[in-house]
């Protein structure tokens, strides 16, 4: 789950380079398939919504050995400046 948070953060930060994001929310992680020792796991993130101060990121993990989806979740990251929400700027 920590890796999913990092990937969501990277996706948001690559889109808004001057933003300072914190994770506000992560939807439930529904693990539909297990990963075993030695498996190669790929975690993808895609921005699905951009608000005034926040970004919603879809995160999907796939097992590259079996081709099975491991989980899918959604994260909301908020831009913070001086301890308060701040508008996102390109």
C-alpha atoms as a PDB file:
ATOM      1  CA  UNK A   1       0.000   0.000   0.000  1.00  0.00           C
ATOM      2  CA  UNK A   2       2.903   2.338   0.645  1.00  0.00           C
ATOM      3  CA  UNK A   3       4.123   1.761  -2.904  1.00  0.00           C
ATOM      4  CA  UNK A   4       0.678   2.662  -4.268  1.00  0.00           C
ATOM      5  CA  UNK A   5       0.783   5.921  -2.294  1.00  0.00           C
ATOM      6  CA  UNK A   6       4.230   6.752  -3.701  1.00  0.00           C
ATOM      7  CA  UNK A   7       3.131   6.048  -7.280  1.00  0.00           C
ATOM      8  CA  UNK A   8       0.004   8.216  -6.857  1.00  0.00           C
ATOM      9  CA  UNK A   9       2.210  10.990  -5.464  1.00  0.00           C
ATOM     10  CA  UNK A  10       4.598  10.705  -8.421  1.00  0.00           C
ATOM     11  CA  UNK A  11       1.751  10.909 -10.941  1.00  0.00           C
ATOM     12  CA  UNK A  12       0.345  14.043  -9.294  1.00  0.00           C
ATOM     13  CA  UNK A  13       3.773  15.638  -8.870  1.00  0.00           C
ATOM     14  CA  UNK A  14       4.751  15.033 -12.485  1.00  0.00           C
ATOM     15  CA  UNK A  15       1.595  16.835 -13.631  1.00  0.00           C
ATOM     16  CA  UNK A  16       1.916  19.711 -11.128  1.00  0.00           C
ATOM     17  CA  UNK A  17       5.644  20.180 -10.604  1.00  0.00           C
ATOM     18  CA  UNK A  18       5.365  23.150  -8.204  1.00  0.00           C
ATOM     19  CA  UNK A  19       2.720  21.562  -5.967  1.00  0.00           C
ATOM     20  CA  UNK A  20       3.388  20.118  -2.528  1.00  0.00           C
ATOM     21  CA  UNK A  21       1.018  17.159  -2.205  1.00  0.00           C
ATOM     22  CA  UNK A  22      -0.197  15.269   0.827  1.00  0.00           C
ATOM     23  CA  UNK A  23      -2.430  12.214   0.659  1.00  0.00           C
ATOM     24  CA  UNK A  24      -5.888  13.007   1.981  1.00  0.00           C
ATOM     25  CA  UNK A  25      -7.701   9.785   1.136  1.00  0.00           C
ATOM     26  CA  UNK A  26      -7.192   6.319  -0.270  1.00  0.00           C
ATOM     27  CA  UNK A  27     -10.189   4.233  -1.264  1.00  0.00           C
ATOM     28  CA  UNK A  28     -10.289   0.643  -0.041  1.00  0.00           C
ATOM     29  CA  UNK A  29      -7.746  -1.824  -1.371  1.00  0.00           C
ATOM     30  CA  UNK A  30      -9.599  -4.858  -2.668  1.00  0.00           C
ATOM     31  CA  UNK A  31      -6.891  -7.441  -3.203  1.00  0.00           C
ATOM     32  CA  UNK A  32      -8.366  -9.691  -5.898  1.00  0.00           C
ATOM     33  CA  UNK A  33      -5.253 -11.805  -6.443  1.00  0.00           C
ATOM     34  CA  UNK A  34      -2.162 -12.543  -4.334  1.00  0.00           C
ATOM     35  CA  UNK A  35       1.448 -11.673  -5.137  1.00  0.00           C
ATOM     36  CA  UNK A  36       4.016 -14.215  -4.107  1.00  0.00           C
ATOM     37  CA  UNK A  37       7.714 -13.935  -3.425  1.00  0.00           C
ATOM     38  CA  UNK A  38       9.550 -13.593  -6.730  1.00  0.00           C
ATOM     39  CA  UNK A  39       6.588 -12.111  -8.616  1.00  0.00           C
ATOM     40  CA  UNK A  40       7.100  -8.886 -10.531  1.00  0.00           C
ATOM     41  CA  UNK A  41       4.465  -6.309  -9.637  1.00  0.00           C
ATOM     42  CA  UNK A  42       3.740  -3.294 -11.812  1.00  0.00           C
ATOM     43  CA  UNK A  43       1.871  -0.350 -10.273  1.00  0.00           C
ATOM     44  CA  UNK A  44       0.344   2.216 -12.629  1.00  0.00           C
ATOM     45  CA  UNK A  45      -1.236   5.553 -11.736  1.00  0.00           C
ATOM     46  CA  UNK A  46      -3.459   7.779 -13.828  1.00  0.00           C
ATOM     47  CA  UNK A  47      -4.924  11.151 -12.950  1.00  0.00           C
ATOM     48  CA  UNK A  48      -8.688  10.853 -13.358  1.00  0.00           C
ATOM     49  CA  UNK A  49      -9.853  14.178 -11.914  1.00  0.00           C
ATOM     50  CA  UNK A  50      -8.322  17.578 -11.262  1.00  0.00           C
ATOM     51  CA  UNK A  51      -9.949  19.918  -8.771  1.00  0.00           C
ATOM     52  CA  UNK A  52      -8.992  23.402  -7.646  1.00  0.00           C
ATOM     53  CA  UNK A  53      -6.704  22.151  -4.860  1.00  0.00           C
ATOM     54  CA  UNK A  54      -6.688  18.374  -5.313  1.00  0.00           C
ATOM     55  CA  UNK A  55      -5.978  15.561  -7.735  1.00  0.00           C
ATOM     56  CA  UNK A  56      -7.733  12.185  -7.879  1.00  0.00           C
ATOM     57  CA  UNK A  57      -5.464   9.361  -9.008  1.00  0.00           C
ATOM     58  CA  UNK A  58      -6.483   5.824 -10.003  1.00  0.00           C
ATOM     59  CA  UNK A  59      -3.878   3.248  -8.952  1.00  0.00           C
ATOM     60  CA  UNK A  60      -3.790  -0.290 -10.398  1.00  0.00           C
ATOM     61  CA  UNK A  61      -1.343  -3.088  -9.577  1.00  0.00           C
ATOM     62  CA  UNK A  62      -0.780  -6.059 -11.878  1.00  0.00           C
ATOM     63  CA  UNK A  63       1.265  -9.214 -11.481  1.00  0.00           C
ATOM     64  CA  UNK A  64       3.582  -9.252 -14.496  1.00  0.00           C
ATOM     65  CA  UNK A  65       4.267 -12.994 -14.112  1.00  0.00           C
ATOM     66  CA  UNK A  66       0.649 -14.215 -14.043  1.00  0.00           C
ATOM     67  CA  UNK A  67      -1.024 -11.264 -15.775  1.00  0.00           C
ATOM     68  CA  UNK A  68      -3.556 -10.991 -12.955  1.00  0.00           C
ATOM     69  CA  UNK A  69      -4.753  -7.731 -11.453  1.00  0.00           C
ATOM     70  CA  UNK A  70      -3.738  -7.500  -7.798  1.00  0.00           C
ATOM     71  CA  UNK A  71      -5.723  -4.449  -6.764  1.00  0.00           C
ATOM     72  CA  UNK A  72      -7.259  -1.187  -7.883  1.00  0.00           C
ATOM     73  CA  UNK A  73      -7.795   1.870  -5.720  1.00  0.00           C
ATOM     74  CA  UNK A  74      -8.248   5.623  -5.893  1.00  0.00           C
ATOM     75  CA  UNK A  75      -6.284   8.293  -4.048  1.00  0.00           C
ATOM     76  CA  UNK A  76      -6.993  11.965  -3.447  1.00  0.00           C
ATOM     77  CA  UNK A  77      -3.938  14.178  -3.013  1.00  0.00           C
ATOM     78  CA  UNK A  78      -4.203  17.798  -1.894  1.00  0.00           C
ATOM     79  CA  UNK A  79      -1.812  20.635  -2.640  1.00  0.00           C
ATOM     80  CA  UNK A  80      -0.680  22.227   0.642  1.00  0.00           C
ATOM     81  CA  UNK A  81       1.119  25.532   1.115  1.00  0.00           C
ATOM     82  CA  UNK A  82       1.821  27.031   4.554  1.00  0.00           C
ATOM     83  CA  UNK A  83      -0.363  24.387   6.189  1.00  0.00           C
ATOM     84  CA  UNK A  84      -3.441  25.200   4.085  1.00  0.00           C
ATOM     85  CA  UNK A  85      -4.980  23.979   0.848  1.00  0.00           C
ATOM     86  CA  UNK A  86      -3.601  25.848  -2.135  1.00  0.00           C
ATOM     87  CA  UNK A  87      -4.783  26.223  -5.711  1.00  0.00           C
ATOM     88  CA  UNK A  88      -3.141  24.005  -8.316  1.00  0.00           C
ATOM     89  CA  UNK A  89      -1.216  25.825 -11.012  1.00  0.00           C
ATOM     90  CA  UNK A  90       0.518  24.426 -14.074  1.00  0.00           C
END
